[in-house]
Amino acid sequence: QVQLVESGGGLVQAGGSLRLSCAASRTIFSLDFMGWYRQASGNKRELVAGITSVGRTNYADSVKGRFTISRDNAKNTVYLQMNSLKPEDTAVYYCNGVNTRGTTSWGQGTQVTVSS
């Protein structure tokens, strides 16, 4: 099972930007889908953005036009560029990967806090 490690979280003012990275322990070619989820305090974990092995992306309505997901297969890394951040984007962000057999891997999460 691939290990995923997130980085890039932190504290930012509203309107600011952050880029999250998710580094995999081995090749991500075997991962059909990689995604970023988030979980705010007291809320369910929700899908923020996802990308397939062929580069097809999807986004939650709340982040469309502000967030961009991308993957660098050579670096075994997936990124989430977050612009125009809002206080409601505050959450723990988790990286997720699903391989061709349906096995799911999760990272440990990285905290994003957006101050107003």
Protein backbone atom coordinates (compact mmCIF):
# COMPACT_ATOMS: atom_id res chain seq x y z
CA GLN A 1 0.00 0.00 0.00
CA VAL A 2 1.38 3.38 -0.99
CA GLN A 3 2.23 5.84 1.79
CA LEU A 4 1.09 9.44 1.32
CA VAL A 5 2.57 12.45 3.11
CA GLU A 6 0.99 15.90 2.91
CA SER A 7 2.77 19.20 3.41
CA GLY A 8 2.21 22.88 2.78
CA GLY A 9 -0.54 23.68 5.24
CA GLY A 10 -0.43 26.67 7.52
CA LEU A 11 -2.04 29.92 8.57
CA VAL A 12 -2.99 32.44 5.90
CA GLN A 13 -5.17 35.53 5.72
CA ALA A 14 -8.37 35.53 3.73
CA GLY A 15 -7.63 36.14 0.07
CA GLY A 16 -4.24 34.50 0.32
CA SER A 17 -2.87 31.36 -1.29
CA LEU A 18 -1.33 28.07 -0.27
CA ARG A 19 -0.05 25.09 -2.20
CA LEU A 20 -0.43 21.67 -0.67
CA SER A 21 1.75 18.77 -1.73
CA CYS A 22 1.14 15.06 -1.39
CA ALA A 23 4.22 12.93 -1.83
CA ALA A 24 3.78 9.22 -2.47
CA SER A 25 6.22 6.57 -1.29
CA ARG A 26 6.31 5.00 -4.73
CA THR A 27 5.05 5.49 -8.24
CA ILE A 28 1.61 6.97 -8.58
CA PHE A 29 1.11 5.42 -12.01
CA SER A 30 -0.79 2.62 -10.28
CA LEU A 31 -3.22 5.06 -8.69
CA ASP A 32 -6.34 5.47 -10.79
CA PHE A 33 -7.51 8.37 -8.69
CA MET A 34 -5.93 10.84 -6.34
CA GLY A 35 -7.83 13.40 -4.40
CA TRP A 36 -7.77 16.04 -1.74
CA TYR A 37 -10.37 15.87 0.98
CA ARG A 38 -10.94 18.16 3.92
CA GLN A 39 -12.58 17.90 7.28
CA ALA A 40 -13.54 20.91 9.30
CA SER A 41 -14.19 20.59 13.01
CA GLY A 42 -17.54 18.90 13.58
CA ASN A 43 -18.07 18.19 9.88
CA LYS A 44 -17.83 15.16 7.67
CA ARG A 45 -14.80 14.66 5.45
CA GLU A 46 -15.59 15.96 1.98
CA LEU A 47 -13.97 15.70 -1.42
CA VAL A 48 -12.40 18.98 -2.49
CA ALA A 49 -10.72 17.98 -5.74
CA GLY A 50 -9.79 14.83 -7.57
CA ILE A 51 -7.66 13.83 -10.53
CA THR A 52 -7.59 10.60 -12.48
CA SER A 53 -4.60 8.82 -13.97
CA VAL A 54 -5.37 10.44 -17.34
CA GLY A 55 -5.61 13.90 -15.84
CA ARG A 56 -9.37 14.34 -15.64
CA THR A 57 -10.26 16.61 -12.74
CA ASN A 58 -13.30 17.37 -10.66
CA TYR A 59 -13.93 19.92 -7.95
CA ALA A 60 -16.39 20.65 -5.20
CA ASP A 61 -18.65 23.54 -6.16
CA SER A 62 -17.35 25.55 -3.22
CA VAL A 63 -13.79 25.63 -4.60
CA LYS A 64 -14.32 25.78 -8.35
CA GLY A 65 -12.34 28.61 -9.90
CA ARG A 66 -10.16 28.98 -6.79
CA PHE A 67 -8.43 25.60 -6.35
CA THR A 68 -6.44 23.62 -8.88
CA ILE A 69 -5.34 20.01 -8.53
CA SER A 70 -2.43 18.64 -10.52
CA ARG A 71 -0.19 15.62 -10.51
CA ASP A 72 3.48 15.19 -11.38
CA ASN A 73 3.98 11.50 -12.10
CA ALA A 74 7.75 11.92 -12.37
CA LYS A 75 7.87 13.25 -8.81
CA ASN A 76 5.12 10.96 -7.50
CA THR A 77 3.41 14.04 -6.14
CA VAL A 78 -0.04 15.60 -6.29
CA TYR A 79 -0.58 19.27 -5.62
CA LEU A 80 -3.49 21.43 -4.60
CA GLN A 81 -3.07 25.10 -5.43
CA MET A 82 -5.50 27.10 -3.32
CA ASN A 83 -6.13 30.74 -4.20
CA SER A 84 -8.55 33.34 -2.85
CA LEU A 85 -8.81 31.43 0.39
CA LYS A 86 -11.79 32.01 2.64
CA PRO A 87 -12.25 31.37 6.37
CA GLU A 88 -14.66 28.56 5.47
CA ASP A 89 -11.76 26.74 3.79
CA THR A 90 -10.27 26.16 7.24
CA ALA A 91 -9.93 22.42 7.78
CA VAL A 92 -7.54 19.52 7.91
CA TYR A 93 -6.73 18.55 4.35
CA TYR A 94 -6.09 14.92 3.51
CA CYS A 95 -4.55 13.32 0.46
CA ASN A 96 -6.15 10.16 -0.89
CA GLY A 97 -5.14 7.63 -3.48
CA VAL A 98 -7.04 4.69 -4.97
CA ASN A 99 -5.23 2.02 -6.92
CA THR A 100 -6.47 -0.18 -9.74
CA ARG A 101 -7.66 -2.80 -7.23
CA GLY A 102 -9.69 -0.26 -5.29
CA THR A 103 -7.34 -0.11 -2.33
CA THR A 104 -7.45 3.30 -0.68
CA SER A 105 -4.57 5.10 1.01
CA TRP A 106 -4.75 8.22 3.16
CA GLY A 107 -2.19 10.69 4.36
CA GLN A 108 -2.02 11.97 7.92
CA GLY A 109 -3.48 15.37 7.04
CA THR A 110 -2.26 18.94 7.09
CA GLN A 111 -3.98 21.84 8.81
CA VAL A 112 -5.08 24.86 6.80
CA THR A 113 -6.32 27.85 8.76
CA VAL A 114 -7.66 30.95 7.03
CA SER A 115 -8.08 34.03 9.19
CA SER A 116 -10.60 36.75 8.40
